[in-house]
C-alpha atoms as a PDB file:
ATOM      1  CA  MET A   1       0.003   0.005  -0.005  1.00  0.00           C
ATOM      2  CA  ALA A   2       2.857   2.371   0.804  1.00  0.00           C
ATOM      3  CA  SER A   3       4.339   2.082  -2.708  1.00  0.00           C
ATOM      4  CA  ASP A   4       0.999   3.029  -4.284  1.00  0.00           C
ATOM      5  CA  ASN A   5       0.563   5.942  -1.906  1.00  0.00           C
ATOM      6  CA  THR A   6       4.007   7.386  -2.670  1.00  0.00           C
ATOM      7  CA  ARG A   7       2.899   7.903  -6.285  1.00  0.00           C
ATOM      8  CA  LEU A   8      -0.048  10.090  -5.334  1.00  0.00           C
ATOM      9  CA  LEU A   9      -0.259  13.696  -6.436  1.00  0.00           C
ATOM     10  CA  PRO A  10      -0.701  16.184  -3.547  1.00  0.00           C
ATOM     11  CA  SER A  11      -4.386  16.653  -4.452  1.00  0.00           C
ATOM     12  CA  GLU A  12      -4.929  12.875  -4.447  1.00  0.00           C
ATOM     13  CA  ARG A  13      -3.157  12.514  -1.096  1.00  0.00           C
ATOM     14  CA  GLN A  14      -5.316  15.279   0.383  1.00  0.00           C
ATOM     15  CA  GLN A  15      -8.453  13.571  -0.890  1.00  0.00           C
ATOM     16  CA  ARG A  16      -7.333  10.366   0.819  1.00  0.00           C
ATOM     17  CA  ILE A  17      -6.736  12.304   4.035  1.00  0.00           C
ATOM     18  CA  LYS A  18     -10.277  13.746   3.848  1.00  0.00           C
ATOM     19  CA  GLN A  19     -11.681  10.267   3.468  1.00  0.00           C
ATOM     20  CA  LEU A  20      -9.682   8.988   6.432  1.00  0.00           C
ATOM     21  CA  VAL A  21     -10.675  11.777   8.803  1.00  0.00           C
ATOM     22  CA  LEU A  22     -14.334  11.307   7.880  1.00  0.00           C
ATOM     23  CA  ALA A  23     -14.164   7.535   8.422  1.00  0.00           C
ATOM     24  CA  GLN A  24     -12.134   7.590  11.631  1.00  0.00           C
ATOM     25  CA  GLY A  25     -13.021  10.921  13.218  1.00  0.00           C
ATOM     26  CA  SER A  26      -9.359  11.661  13.943  1.00  0.00           C
ATOM     27  CA  ILE A  27      -5.982  11.065  12.312  1.00  0.00           C
ATOM     28  CA  ARG A  28      -2.338  11.473  13.347  1.00  0.00           C
ATOM     29  CA  VAL A  29       0.518  13.180  11.487  1.00  0.00           C
ATOM     30  CA  ALA A  30       3.112  10.475  12.104  1.00  0.00           C
ATOM     31  CA  GLU A  31       0.863   7.647  10.937  1.00  0.00           C
ATOM     32  CA  LEU A  32      -0.079   9.459   7.724  1.00  0.00           C
ATOM     33  CA  ALA A  33       3.520  10.392   6.981  1.00  0.00           C
ATOM     34  CA  GLU A  34       4.460   6.712   7.144  1.00  0.00           C
ATOM     35  CA  GLN A  35       1.412   5.601   5.171  1.00  0.00           C
ATOM     36  CA  PHE A  36       1.958   8.044   2.325  1.00  0.00           C
ATOM     37  CA  GLY A  37       5.763   7.937   2.359  1.00  0.00           C
ATOM     38  CA  VAL A  38       6.166  11.685   2.865  1.00  0.00           C
ATOM     39  CA  SER A  39       7.545  13.924   5.590  1.00  0.00           C
ATOM     40  CA  GLU A  40       5.522  14.994   8.633  1.00  0.00           C
ATOM     41  CA  MET A  41       5.966  18.587   7.434  1.00  0.00           C
ATOM     42  CA  THR A  42       4.214  17.650   4.167  1.00  0.00           C
ATOM     43  CA  ILE A  43       1.284  16.174   6.101  1.00  0.00           C
ATOM     44  CA  ARG A  44       1.095  19.304   8.269  1.00  0.00           C
ATOM     45  CA  ARG A  45       0.917  21.439   5.116  1.00  0.00           C
ATOM     46  CA  ASP A  46      -1.900  19.185   3.866  1.00  0.00           C
ATOM     47  CA  PHE A  47      -3.693  19.663   7.187  1.00  0.00           C
ATOM     48  CA  GLU A  48      -3.286  23.433   6.950  1.00  0.00           C
ATOM     49  CA  LEU A  49      -4.847  23.514   3.496  1.00  0.00           C
ATOM     50  CA  LEU A  50      -7.674  21.108   4.448  1.00  0.00           C
ATOM     51  CA  GLU A  51      -8.392  23.134   7.593  1.00  0.00           C
ATOM     52  CA  GLU A  52      -8.669  26.335   5.488  1.00  0.00           C
ATOM     53  CA  GLU A  53     -11.160  24.504   3.265  1.00  0.00           C
ATOM     54  CA  GLY A  54     -13.197  23.446   6.339  1.00  0.00           C
ATOM     55  CA  HIS A  55     -12.589  19.680   6.110  1.00  0.00           C
ATOM     56  CA  LEU A  56     -10.761  19.205   9.399  1.00  0.00           C
ATOM     57  CA  GLU A  57      -9.445  20.893  12.515  1.00  0.00           C
ATOM     58  CA  ARG A  58      -5.788  20.547  13.497  1.00  0.00           C
ATOM     59  CA  THR A  59      -4.902  19.200  16.928  1.00  0.00           C
ATOM     60  CA  PHE A  60      -1.625  18.501  18.656  1.00  0.00           C
ATOM     61  CA  GLY A  61      -0.037  15.763  16.598  1.00  0.00           C
ATOM     62  CA  GLY A  62      -2.999  15.224  14.321  1.00  0.00           C
ATOM     63  CA  ALA A  63      -6.419  16.434  13.203  1.00  0.00           C
ATOM     64  CA  VAL A  64     -10.127  15.738  13.732  1.00  0.00           C
ATOM     65  CA  ALA A  65     -13.098  16.099  11.395  1.00  0.00           C
ATOM     66  CA  SER A  66     -14.503  19.615  11.439  1.00  0.00           C
ATOM     67  CA  GLU A  67     -17.931  20.216  12.991  1.00  0.00           C
ATOM     68  CA  GLN A  68     -19.422  21.165   9.606  1.00  0.00           C
ATOM     69  CA  THR A  69     -17.914  18.146   7.866  1.00  0.00           C
ATOM     70  CA  ALA A  70     -19.152  15.903  10.667  1.00  0.00           C
ATOM     71  CA  PHE A  71     -22.681  17.258  10.227  1.00  0.00           C
ATOM     72  CA  GLU A  72     -22.707  16.833   6.455  1.00  0.00           C
ATOM     73  CA  THR A  73     -21.229  13.361   6.339  1.00  0.00           C
ATOM     74  CA  SER A  74     -20.233  11.602   9.530  1.00  0.00           C
ATOM     75  CA  TYR A  75     -23.498  11.429  11.467  1.00  0.00           C
ATOM     76  CA  THR A  76     -25.763  10.801   8.496  1.00  0.00           C
ATOM     77  CA  VAL A  77     -23.332   8.224   7.126  1.00  0.00           C
ATOM     78  CA  ARG A  78     -23.090   6.532  10.540  1.00  0.00           C
ATOM     79  CA  LEU A  79     -26.871   6.117  10.602  1.00  0.00           C
ATOM     80  CA  SER A  80     -26.636   3.777   7.631  1.00  0.00           C
ATOM     81  CA  LYS A  81     -23.183   2.202   8.128  1.00  0.00           C
ATOM     82  CA  HIS A  82     -23.100  -1.242   9.744  1.00  0.00           C
ATOM     83  CA  LYS A  83     -26.850  -1.069  10.240  1.00  0.00           C
ATOM     84  CA  PRO A  84     -27.445  -4.857  10.507  1.00  0.00           C
ATOM     85  CA  GLU A  85     -24.741  -5.117  13.179  1.00  0.00           C
ATOM     86  CA  LYS A  86     -26.185  -2.201  15.159  1.00  0.00           C
ATOM     87  CA  MET A  87     -29.715  -3.631  14.967  1.00  0.00           C
ATOM     88  CA  ALA A  88     -28.552  -7.065  16.172  1.00  0.00           C
ATOM     89  CA  ILE A  89     -26.511  -5.554  18.984  1.00  0.00           C
ATOM     90  CA  ALA A  90     -29.485  -3.359  20.045  1.00  0.00           C
ATOM     91  CA  ALA A  91     -31.851  -6.347  20.019  1.00  0.00           C
ATOM     92  CA  TYR A  92     -29.584  -8.322  22.330  1.00  0.00           C
ATOM     93  CA  ALA A  93     -29.073  -5.307  24.624  1.00  0.00           C
ATOM     94  CA  ALA A  94     -32.836  -4.883  24.879  1.00  0.00           C
ATOM     95  CA  SER A  95     -33.167  -8.486  26.065  1.00  0.00           C
ATOM     96  CA  LEU A  96     -31.026  -7.609  29.104  1.00  0.00           C
ATOM     97  CA  ILE A  97     -33.489  -4.960  30.284  1.00  0.00           C
ATOM     98  CA  GLN A  98     -36.453  -5.628  32.553  1.00  0.00           C
ATOM     99  CA  ASP A  99     -39.673  -3.649  32.405  1.00  0.00           C
ATOM    100  CA  GLY A 100     -39.501  -0.882  34.988  1.00  0.00           C
ATOM    101  CA  ASP A 101     -35.724  -0.485  34.732  1.00  0.00           C
ATOM    102  CA  SER A 102     -34.072   2.925  34.562  1.00  0.00           C
ATOM    103  CA  ILE A 103     -31.674   3.369  31.629  1.00  0.00           C
ATOM    104  CA  ALA A 104     -29.222   5.959  30.365  1.00  0.00           C
ATOM    105  CA  LEU A 105     -28.552   6.125  26.625  1.00  0.00           C
ATOM    106  CA  ASP A 106     -25.853   8.175  24.951  1.00  0.00           C
ATOM    107  CA  ALA A 107     -26.290   9.964  21.627  1.00  0.00           C
ATOM    108  CA  SER A 108     -24.719   7.258  19.436  1.00  0.00           C
ATOM    109  CA  THR A 109     -26.426   5.742  16.425  1.00  0.00           C
ATOM    110  CA  THR A 110     -26.229   2.320  18.112  1.00  0.00           C
ATOM    111  CA  CYS A 111     -28.136   3.637  21.143  1.00  0.00           C
ATOM    112  CA  LEU A 112     -30.681   5.098  18.720  1.00  0.00           C
ATOM    113  CA  ALA A 113     -31.190   1.542  17.429  1.00  0.00           C
ATOM    114  CA  LEU A 114     -31.628   0.409  21.048  1.00  0.00           C
ATOM    115  CA  ALA A 115     -34.183   3.177  21.664  1.00  0.00           C
ATOM    116  CA  ARG A 116     -36.216   1.787  18.770  1.00  0.00           C
ATOM    117  CA  GLU A 117     -36.116  -1.661  20.364  1.00  0.00           C
ATOM    118  CA  LEU A 118     -37.418  -0.183  23.617  1.00  0.00           C
ATOM    119  CA  ALA A 119     -40.172   1.962  22.117  1.00  0.00           C
ATOM    120  CA  LYS A 120     -43.029  -0.122  23.579  1.00  0.00           C
ATOM    121  CA  ARG A 121     -41.512  -0.874  26.966  1.00  0.00           C
ATOM    122  CA  PRO A 122     -42.528   0.686  30.328  1.00  0.00           C
ATOM    123  CA  LEU A 123     -39.143   2.079  31.360  1.00  0.00           C
ATOM    124  CA  THR A 124     -37.467   5.239  32.611  1.00  0.00           C
ATOM    125  CA  LEU A 125     -34.910   6.530  30.124  1.00  0.00           C
ATOM    126  CA  ILE A 126     -32.539   9.447  30.456  1.00  0.00           C
ATOM    127  CA  THR A 127     -30.629  10.529  27.391  1.00  0.00           C
ATOM    128  CA  ASN A 128     -28.692  13.411  25.888  1.00  0.00           C
ATOM    129  CA  SER A 129     -29.893  12.408  22.421  1.00  0.00           C
ATOM    130  CA  LEU A 130     -32.532  14.505  20.707  1.00  0.00           C
ATOM    131  CA  ASP A 131     -33.080  11.726  18.154  1.00  0.00           C
ATOM    132  CA  CYS A 132     -33.660   9.130  20.902  1.00  0.00           C
ATOM    133  CA  ALA A 133     -36.203  11.410  22.579  1.00  0.00           C
ATOM    134  CA  ILE A 134     -38.042  11.963  19.273  1.00  0.00           C
ATOM    135  CA  GLU A 135     -37.975   8.219  18.557  1.00  0.00           C
ATOM    136  CA  LEU A 136     -39.579   7.526  21.939  1.00  0.00           C
ATOM    137  CA  ARG A 137     -42.099  10.377  21.922  1.00  0.00           C
ATOM    138  CA  ALA A 138     -45.071   7.951  21.680  1.00  0.00           C
ATOM    139  CA  SER A 139     -43.558   5.404  24.034  1.00  0.00           C
ATOM    140  CA  PRO A 140     -45.073   4.416  27.410  1.00  0.00           C
ATOM    141  CA  ALA A 141     -41.593   5.045  28.848  1.00  0.00           C
ATOM    142  CA  LYS A 142     -40.831   8.066  30.984  1.00  0.00           C
ATOM    143  CA  ILE A 143     -38.288  10.107  29.004  1.00  0.00           C
ATOM    144  CA  LEU A 144     -35.863  12.515  30.635  1.00  0.00           C
ATOM    145  CA  LEU A 145     -33.636  14.798  28.508  1.00  0.00           C
ATOM    146  CA  THR A 146     -30.458  16.053  30.099  1.00  0.00           C
ATOM    147  CA  GLY A 147     -30.670  19.600  28.757  1.00  0.00           C
ATOM    148  CA  GLY A 148     -27.467  21.477  28.007  1.00  0.00           C
ATOM    149  CA  TYR A 149     -26.345  23.030  24.765  1.00  0.00           C
ATOM    150  CA  LEU A 150     -27.424  21.278  21.559  1.00  0.00           C
ATOM    151  CA  ARG A 151     -24.647  20.027  19.300  1.00  0.00           C
ATOM    152  CA  GLN A 152     -26.396  20.228  15.934  1.00  0.00           C
ATOM    153  CA  VAL A 153     -23.700  18.046  14.385  1.00  0.00           C
ATOM    154  CA  SER A 154     -24.869  15.021  16.360  1.00  0.00           C
ATOM    155  CA  GLY A 155     -28.269  15.987  17.741  1.00  0.00           C
ATOM    156  CA  SER A 156     -26.889  15.642  21.263  1.00  0.00           C
ATOM    157  CA  PHE A 157     -26.912  17.756  24.407  1.00  0.00           C
ATOM    158  CA  ALA A 158     -23.649  18.420  26.231  1.00  0.00           C
ATOM    159  CA  GLY A 159     -21.956  20.922  28.516  1.00  0.00           C
ATOM    160  CA  PRO A 160     -22.258  21.783  32.231  1.00  0.00           C
ATOM    161  CA  LEU A 161     -26.072  21.653  32.346  1.00  0.00           C
ATOM    162  CA  ALA A 162     -26.121  18.153  30.888  1.00  0.00           C
ATOM    163  CA  ILE A 163     -23.428  17.020  33.328  1.00  0.00           C
ATOM    164  CA  LYS A 164     -25.217  18.554  36.332  1.00  0.00           C
ATOM    165  CA  ALA A 165     -28.488  16.843  35.367  1.00  0.00           C
ATOM    166  CA  LEU A 166     -26.845  13.431  34.991  1.00  0.00           C
ATOM    167  CA  GLN A 167     -25.056  13.729  38.339  1.00  0.00           C
ATOM    168  CA  GLU A 168     -28.462  13.745  40.037  1.00  0.00           C
ATOM    169  CA  PHE A 169     -29.438  10.308  38.752  1.00  0.00           C
ATOM    170  CA  ARG A 170     -28.659   6.688  39.569  1.00  0.00           C
ATOM    171  CA  VAL A 171     -29.809   4.217  36.917  1.00  0.00           C
ATOM    172  CA  ASP A 172     -29.942   0.450  36.522  1.00  0.00           C
ATOM    173  CA  HIS A 173     -28.230   0.366  33.122  1.00  0.00           C
ATOM    174  CA  CYS A 174     -26.085   2.659  31.016  1.00  0.00           C
ATOM    175  CA  PHE A 175     -25.430   1.970  27.351  1.00  0.00           C
ATOM    176  CA  VAL A 176     -22.715   3.836  25.465  1.00  0.00           C
ATOM    177  CA  SER A 177     -20.897   3.425  22.187  1.00  0.00           C
ATOM    178  CA  ALA A 178     -17.500   4.613  20.923  1.00  0.00           C
ATOM    179  CA  LYS A 179     -15.724   5.539  17.701  1.00  0.00           C
ATOM    180  CA  GLY A 180     -12.625   3.556  18.526  1.00  0.00           C
ATOM    181  CA  ILE A 181     -11.397   0.738  20.795  1.00  0.00           C
ATOM    182  CA  SER A 182      -8.015  -0.621  21.786  1.00  0.00           C
ATOM    183  CA  LEU A 183      -6.907  -2.782  24.703  1.00  0.00           C
ATOM    184  CA  GLU A 184      -4.378  -0.138  25.729  1.00  0.00           C
ATOM    185  CA  ASP A 185      -6.535   3.007  25.450  1.00  0.00           C
ATOM    186  CA  GLY A 186     -10.002   1.486  25.951  1.00  0.00           C
ATOM    187  CA  LEU A 187     -13.080   3.167  24.470  1.00  0.00           C
ATOM    188  CA  MET A 188     -12.487   6.446  22.616  1.00  0.00           C
ATOM    189  CA  ASP A 189     -14.557   9.146  20.930  1.00  0.00           C
ATOM    190  CA  SER A 190     -13.798  12.271  18.940  1.00  0.00           C
ATOM    191  CA  ASP A 191     -15.468  15.064  20.978  1.00  0.00           C
ATOM    192  CA  ALA A 192     -14.420  15.990  24.515  1.00  0.00           C
ATOM    193  CA  ASP A 193     -17.862  17.278  25.519  1.00  0.00           C
ATOM    194  CA  GLU A 194     -19.579  14.092  24.328  1.00  0.00           C
ATOM    195  CA  VAL A 195     -17.021  12.007  26.176  1.00  0.00           C
ATOM    196  CA  GLU A 196     -17.629  13.871  29.438  1.00  0.00           C
ATOM    197  CA  VAL A 197     -21.346  13.095  29.167  1.00  0.00           C
ATOM    198  CA  LYS A 198     -20.599   9.410  28.559  1.00  0.00           C
ATOM    199  CA  ARG A 199     -18.314   9.277  31.569  1.00  0.00           C
ATOM    200  CA  VAL A 200     -20.921  10.750  33.900  1.00  0.00           C
ATOM    201  CA  MET A 201     -23.593   8.406  32.512  1.00  0.00           C
ATOM    202  CA  LEU A 202     -21.345   5.416  33.198  1.00  0.00           C
ATOM    203  CA  ALA A 203     -20.629   6.651  36.738  1.00  0.00           C
ATOM    204  CA  ALA A 204     -24.360   6.853  37.440  1.00  0.00           C
ATOM    205  CA  ALA A 205     -25.127   3.259  36.410  1.00  0.00           C
ATOM    206  CA  ALA A 206     -25.202   0.009  38.332  1.00  0.00           C
ATOM    207  CA  LYS A 207     -24.505  -1.887  35.099  1.00  0.00           C
ATOM    208  CA  LYS A 208     -22.319  -0.436  32.351  1.00  0.00           C
ATOM    209  CA  THR A 209     -22.545  -1.814  28.803  1.00  0.00           C
ATOM    210  CA  ALA A 210     -20.606  -0.832  25.685  1.00  0.00           C
ATOM    211  CA  LEU A 211     -22.412  -1.324  22.353  1.00  0.00           C
ATOM    212  CA  VAL A 212     -19.660  -1.483  19.731  1.00  0.00           C
ATOM    213  CA  ASP A 213     -19.873  -3.104  16.316  1.00  0.00           C
ATOM    214  CA  SER A 214     -16.785  -4.868  15.034  1.00  0.00           C
ATOM    215  CA  SER A 215     -15.719  -1.942  12.797  1.00  0.00           C
ATOM    216  CA  LYS A 216     -14.766   0.100  15.891  1.00  0.00           C
ATOM    217  CA  PHE A 217     -11.946  -2.214  17.000  1.00  0.00           C
ATOM    218  CA  ASP A 218      -8.370  -1.084  16.332  1.00  0.00           C
ATOM    219  CA  LYS A 219      -9.687   2.382  15.485  1.00  0.00           C
ATOM    220  CA  ARG A 220      -8.440   5.438  17.352  1.00  0.00           C
ATOM    221  CA  ALA A 221     -10.255   8.619  18.341  1.00  0.00           C
ATOM    222  CA  LEU A 222      -9.174  11.816  20.043  1.00  0.00           C
ATOM    223  CA  VAL A 223     -10.510  11.392  23.597  1.00  0.00           C
ATOM    224  CA  ARG A 224     -10.494   8.395  25.946  1.00  0.00           C
ATOM    225  CA  ILE A 225     -13.850   7.502  27.506  1.00  0.00           C
ATOM    226  CA  CYS A 226     -12.756   4.708  29.826  1.00  0.00           C
ATOM    227  CA  GLY A 227     -10.797   1.478  29.962  1.00  0.00           C
ATOM    228  CA  ILE A 228     -12.326  -1.675  28.545  1.00  0.00           C
ATOM    229  CA  ALA A 229     -12.253  -3.268  32.016  1.00  0.00           C
ATOM    230  CA  GLU A 230     -14.384  -0.395  33.389  1.00  0.00           C
ATOM    231  CA  VAL A 231     -17.497  -1.643  31.589  1.00  0.00           C
ATOM    232  CA  ASP A 232     -19.383  -4.697  32.821  1.00  0.00           C
ATOM    233  CA  LEU A 233     -20.181  -6.033  29.367  1.00  0.00           C
ATOM    234  CA  MET A 234     -19.130  -5.363  25.791  1.00  0.00           C
ATOM    235  CA  ILE A 235     -21.612  -6.317  23.069  1.00  0.00           C
ATOM    236  CA  SER A 236     -20.314  -6.620  19.521  1.00  0.00           C
ATOM    237  CA  ASP A 237     -20.930  -8.899  16.515  1.00  0.00           C
ATOM    238  CA  THR A 238     -19.440 -12.106  15.131  1.00  0.00           C
ATOM    239  CA  TYR A 239     -17.583 -10.192  12.391  1.00  0.00           C
ATOM    240  CA  LEU A 240     -15.063  -9.324  15.127  1.00  0.00           C
ATOM    241  CA  SER A 241     -11.713 -10.780  14.150  1.00  0.00           C
ATOM    242  CA  ALA A 242     -10.527 -14.038  15.696  1.00  0.00           C
ATOM    243  CA  ASP A 243      -7.489 -12.172  17.006  1.00  0.00           C
ATOM    244  CA  TRP A 244      -9.648  -9.665  18.867  1.00  0.00           C
ATOM    245  CA  GLN A 245     -11.901 -12.426  20.207  1.00  0.00           C
ATOM    246  CA  ARG A 246      -8.807 -14.165  21.559  1.00  0.00           C
ATOM    247  CA  ARG A 247      -7.449 -10.949  23.076  1.00  0.00           C
ATOM    248  CA  LEU A 248     -10.745 -10.210  24.872  1.00  0.00           C
ATOM    249  CA  LYS A 249     -10.884 -13.738  26.223  1.00  0.00           C
ATOM    250  CA  THR A 250      -7.240 -13.600  27.394  1.00  0.00           C
ATOM    251  CA  ALA A 251      -7.832 -10.225  29.056  1.00  0.00           C
ATOM    252  CA  GLN A 252     -10.995 -11.665  30.694  1.00  0.00           C
ATOM    253  CA  ILE A 253     -13.153  -8.870  29.294  1.00  0.00           C
ATOM    254  CA  PRO A 254     -16.867  -9.867  29.567  1.00  0.00           C
ATOM    255  CA  HIS A 255     -18.266  -9.744  26.047  1.00  0.00           C
ATOM    256  CA  TYR A 256     -21.049 -11.169  23.894  1.00  0.00           C
ATOM    257  CA  LEU A 257     -20.975 -11.419  20.102  1.00  0.00           C
ATOM    258  CA  VAL A 258     -24.328 -11.356  18.342  1.00  0.00           C
ATOM    259  CA  GLU A 259     -25.065 -13.422  15.270  1.00  0.00           C
ATOM    260  CA  LEU A 260     -26.449 -11.511  12.306  1.00  0.00           C
ATOM    261  CA  SER A 261     -29.580 -12.949  10.739  1.00  0.00           C
ATOM    262  CA  SER A 262     -29.049 -14.204   7.213  1.00  0.00           C
END
């Protein structure tokens, strides 16, 4: 792959970088320099140009997708990407919930799939997701929105008001997702405000569950949510690589892999 990348024109390399930051949420200078066979200074110049065009925002040692780019592509694309996996994961997660339970849901697309599974259940749900609240508007469940400032890019509430609201609650279950996972860094996401909400949700829950389809493994994102061992259960799908299944088993990480219907 490196030999092909070294033949790219600057405009072609920059297009590849745009595609990577959209797919991953964040990228690092050193990794791209090695991948494309160019200097780190060349990648930084690419970042500078792409930031001026509004495609990304530079960070220390890397870059993240810009808010506008995230709105136009990332969230809407994530709604349709890996949809069968998310639906299967959500269906299994719903089977773990008893009527009358209290539940916290983050603003991920996987938790939106879970909200749809729970639409007819008598539950108490607290969420920072505008989409989840809308999905459940006709539900018999009691719905509590955190409040806070609305991040239009993801339809989520964040900030001090959201944190303060969540700190008042204790729930039976919390379900969160992530944009990246590694054994060393745990669960990661691309926005610091979103991550802070996820952390407080997890702290408020008796049972903590990560809903992460197999595409999230070995991906990196800007901000660490928590270590893998800090969640009680990780639900993924059987597309997860044999290597990762072995690593989770060796590390004694509780996990369940859902089968996708044919």
